[in-house]
C-alpha cells in the first residue's frame, strides 16, 4: 500500500504544481502517471480466478491471473507480473 500512497501524493503534487504554474499536465506527465498506476496495480496482490476442470472421475482446481488470464500457481504471474493473493 505504500506504492499507492506515494502515487497519490505524486498526483496531488502534480496537480498543485500545474495549478501554481497556471498550466495543465503534459501528455508525457500523464503517460508517466498512468505507467506508475499500472505498476502499483500489478504490485497490489489480487485473488486468482479459480475454475474447476473435470478430468475423468475427479475435479481439479485451476487458477488464472485476474489481469491477463494466464494460468498461475506462484506468488506472481509469470506472464504479466501481477502479484497473486493466495490467502483464504
C-alpha atoms as a PDB file:
ATOM      1  CA  UNK A   1       0.000   0.000   0.000  1.00  0.00           C
ATOM      2  CA  UNK A   2       2.987   2.350   0.304  1.00  0.00           C
ATOM      3  CA  UNK A   3       3.187   2.365  -3.505  1.00  0.00           C
ATOM      4  CA  UNK A   4      -0.410   3.561  -3.739  1.00  0.00           C
ATOM      5  CA  UNK A   5       0.178   6.267  -1.126  1.00  0.00           C
ATOM      6  CA  UNK A   6       3.259   7.508  -2.990  1.00  0.00           C
ATOM      7  CA  UNK A   7       1.344   7.546  -6.275  1.00  0.00           C
ATOM      8  CA  UNK A   8      -1.490   9.572  -4.723  1.00  0.00           C
ATOM      9  CA  UNK A   9       0.992  12.053  -3.250  1.00  0.00           C
ATOM     10  CA  UNK A  10       2.699  12.380  -6.641  1.00  0.00           C
ATOM     11  CA  UNK A  11      -0.670  13.029  -8.272  1.00  0.00           C
ATOM     12  CA  UNK A  12      -1.537  15.713  -5.724  1.00  0.00           C
ATOM     13  CA  UNK A  13       1.908  17.304  -6.187  1.00  0.00           C
ATOM     14  CA  UNK A  14       1.477  17.325  -9.975  1.00  0.00           C
ATOM     15  CA  UNK A  15      -1.943  18.978  -9.699  1.00  0.00           C
ATOM     16  CA  UNK A  16      -0.628  21.632  -7.275  1.00  0.00           C
ATOM     17  CA  UNK A  17       2.436  22.275  -9.441  1.00  0.00           C
ATOM     18  CA  UNK A  18       0.276  22.619 -12.562  1.00  0.00           C
ATOM     19  CA  UNK A  19      -2.133  24.940 -10.765  1.00  0.00           C
ATOM     20  CA  UNK A  20       0.665  27.123  -9.390  1.00  0.00           C
ATOM     21  CA  UNK A  21       2.159  27.496 -12.877  1.00  0.00           C
ATOM     22  CA  UNK A  22      -1.345  28.015 -14.318  1.00  0.00           C
ATOM     23  CA  UNK A  23      -0.902  25.189 -16.804  1.00  0.00           C
ATOM     24  CA  UNK A  24      -2.101  21.656 -17.313  1.00  0.00           C
ATOM     25  CA  UNK A  25      -0.084  18.438 -17.216  1.00  0.00           C
ATOM     26  CA  UNK A  26       1.698  17.443 -20.387  1.00  0.00           C
ATOM     27  CA  UNK A  27       0.852  14.234 -22.246  1.00  0.00           C
ATOM     28  CA  UNK A  28       4.241  12.855 -21.165  1.00  0.00           C
ATOM     29  CA  UNK A  29       3.453  13.537 -17.484  1.00  0.00           C
ATOM     30  CA  UNK A  30       0.070  11.840 -17.846  1.00  0.00           C
ATOM     31  CA  UNK A  31       1.655   8.808 -19.536  1.00  0.00           C
ATOM     32  CA  UNK A  32       4.227   8.541 -16.740  1.00  0.00           C
ATOM     33  CA  UNK A  33       1.447   8.762 -14.149  1.00  0.00           C
ATOM     34  CA  UNK A  34      -0.502   6.004 -15.944  1.00  0.00           C
ATOM     35  CA  UNK A  35       2.614   3.822 -16.053  1.00  0.00           C
ATOM     36  CA  UNK A  36       3.141   4.307 -12.319  1.00  0.00           C
ATOM     37  CA  UNK A  37      -0.519   3.432 -11.692  1.00  0.00           C
ATOM     38  CA  UNK A  38      -0.102   0.228 -13.736  1.00  0.00           C
ATOM     39  CA  UNK A  39       2.968  -0.740 -11.687  1.00  0.00           C
ATOM     40  CA  UNK A  40       1.116  -0.056  -8.436  1.00  0.00           C
ATOM     41  CA  UNK A  41      -1.822  -2.167  -9.637  1.00  0.00           C
ATOM     42  CA  UNK A  42       0.457  -5.105 -10.514  1.00  0.00           C
ATOM     43  CA  UNK A  43       2.252  -4.873  -7.160  1.00  0.00           C
ATOM     44  CA  UNK A  44      -1.075  -4.995  -5.310  1.00  0.00           C
ATOM     45  CA  UNK A  45      -1.947  -8.700  -4.813  1.00  0.00           C
ATOM     46  CA  UNK A  46      -5.225  -9.822  -6.372  1.00  0.00           C
ATOM     47  CA  UNK A  47      -7.118 -13.072  -5.921  1.00  0.00           C
ATOM     48  CA  UNK A  48      -6.676 -15.564  -8.751  1.00  0.00           C
ATOM     49  CA  UNK A  49      -9.662 -16.649 -10.812  1.00  0.00           C
ATOM     50  CA  UNK A  50     -10.497 -20.241  -9.871  1.00  0.00           C
ATOM     51  CA  UNK A  51     -12.090 -22.676 -12.273  1.00  0.00           C
ATOM     52  CA  UNK A  52     -12.868 -26.327 -11.738  1.00  0.00           C
ATOM     53  CA  UNK A  53     -11.831 -28.655 -14.537  1.00  0.00           C
ATOM     54  CA  UNK A  54     -13.090 -32.226 -14.673  1.00  0.00           C
ATOM     55  CA  UNK A  55     -10.702 -34.993 -15.653  1.00  0.00           C
ATOM     56  CA  UNK A  56     -12.170 -38.488 -15.916  1.00  0.00           C
ATOM     57  CA  UNK A  57     -13.501 -39.226 -12.409  1.00  0.00           C
ATOM     58  CA  UNK A  58     -12.162 -36.248 -10.452  1.00  0.00           C
ATOM     59  CA  UNK A  59     -12.308 -32.442 -10.358  1.00  0.00           C
ATOM     60  CA  UNK A  60      -9.215 -30.244 -10.356  1.00  0.00           C
ATOM     61  CA  UNK A  61      -8.892 -26.547  -9.446  1.00  0.00           C
ATOM     62  CA  UNK A  62      -7.068 -24.385 -11.951  1.00  0.00           C
ATOM     63  CA  UNK A  63      -6.149 -20.779 -11.127  1.00  0.00           C
ATOM     64  CA  UNK A  64      -5.792 -17.919 -13.586  1.00  0.00           C
ATOM     65  CA  UNK A  65      -4.292 -14.444 -13.311  1.00  0.00           C
ATOM     66  CA  UNK A  66      -7.014 -11.794 -12.843  1.00  0.00           C
ATOM     67  CA  UNK A  67      -5.001  -9.456 -15.071  1.00  0.00           C
ATOM     68  CA  UNK A  68      -4.004 -11.482 -18.151  1.00  0.00           C
ATOM     69  CA  UNK A  69      -5.884 -14.799 -17.617  1.00  0.00           C
ATOM     70  CA  UNK A  70      -2.645 -16.849 -17.758  1.00  0.00           C
ATOM     71  CA  UNK A  71      -2.598 -19.976 -15.578  1.00  0.00           C
ATOM     72  CA  UNK A  72      -0.834 -19.260 -12.250  1.00  0.00           C
ATOM     73  CA  UNK A  73       0.424 -21.256  -9.282  1.00  0.00           C
ATOM     74  CA  UNK A  74       3.031 -18.894  -7.795  1.00  0.00           C
ATOM     75  CA  UNK A  75       3.146 -15.553  -5.971  1.00  0.00           C
ATOM     76  CA  UNK A  76       3.427 -13.656  -9.268  1.00  0.00           C
ATOM     77  CA  UNK A  77       2.017 -14.296 -12.718  1.00  0.00           C
ATOM     78  CA  UNK A  78       4.887 -15.418 -14.953  1.00  0.00           C
ATOM     79  CA  UNK A  79       3.280 -13.734 -17.977  1.00  0.00           C
ATOM     80  CA  UNK A  80       2.482 -10.218 -16.726  1.00  0.00           C
ATOM     81  CA  UNK A  81       3.987  -9.956 -13.224  1.00  0.00           C
ATOM     82  CA  UNK A  82       0.683  -9.447 -11.378  1.00  0.00           C
ATOM     83  CA  UNK A  83       1.047 -10.194  -7.647  1.00  0.00           C
ATOM     84  CA  UNK A  84      -1.308 -13.017  -6.631  1.00  0.00           C
ATOM     85  CA  UNK A  85      -3.089 -13.195  -3.270  1.00  0.00           C
ATOM     86  CA  UNK A  86      -3.362 -16.853  -2.227  1.00  0.00           C
ATOM     87  CA  UNK A  87      -4.830 -16.167   1.219  1.00  0.00           C
ATOM     88  CA  UNK A  88      -8.180 -17.760   2.022  1.00  0.00           C
END
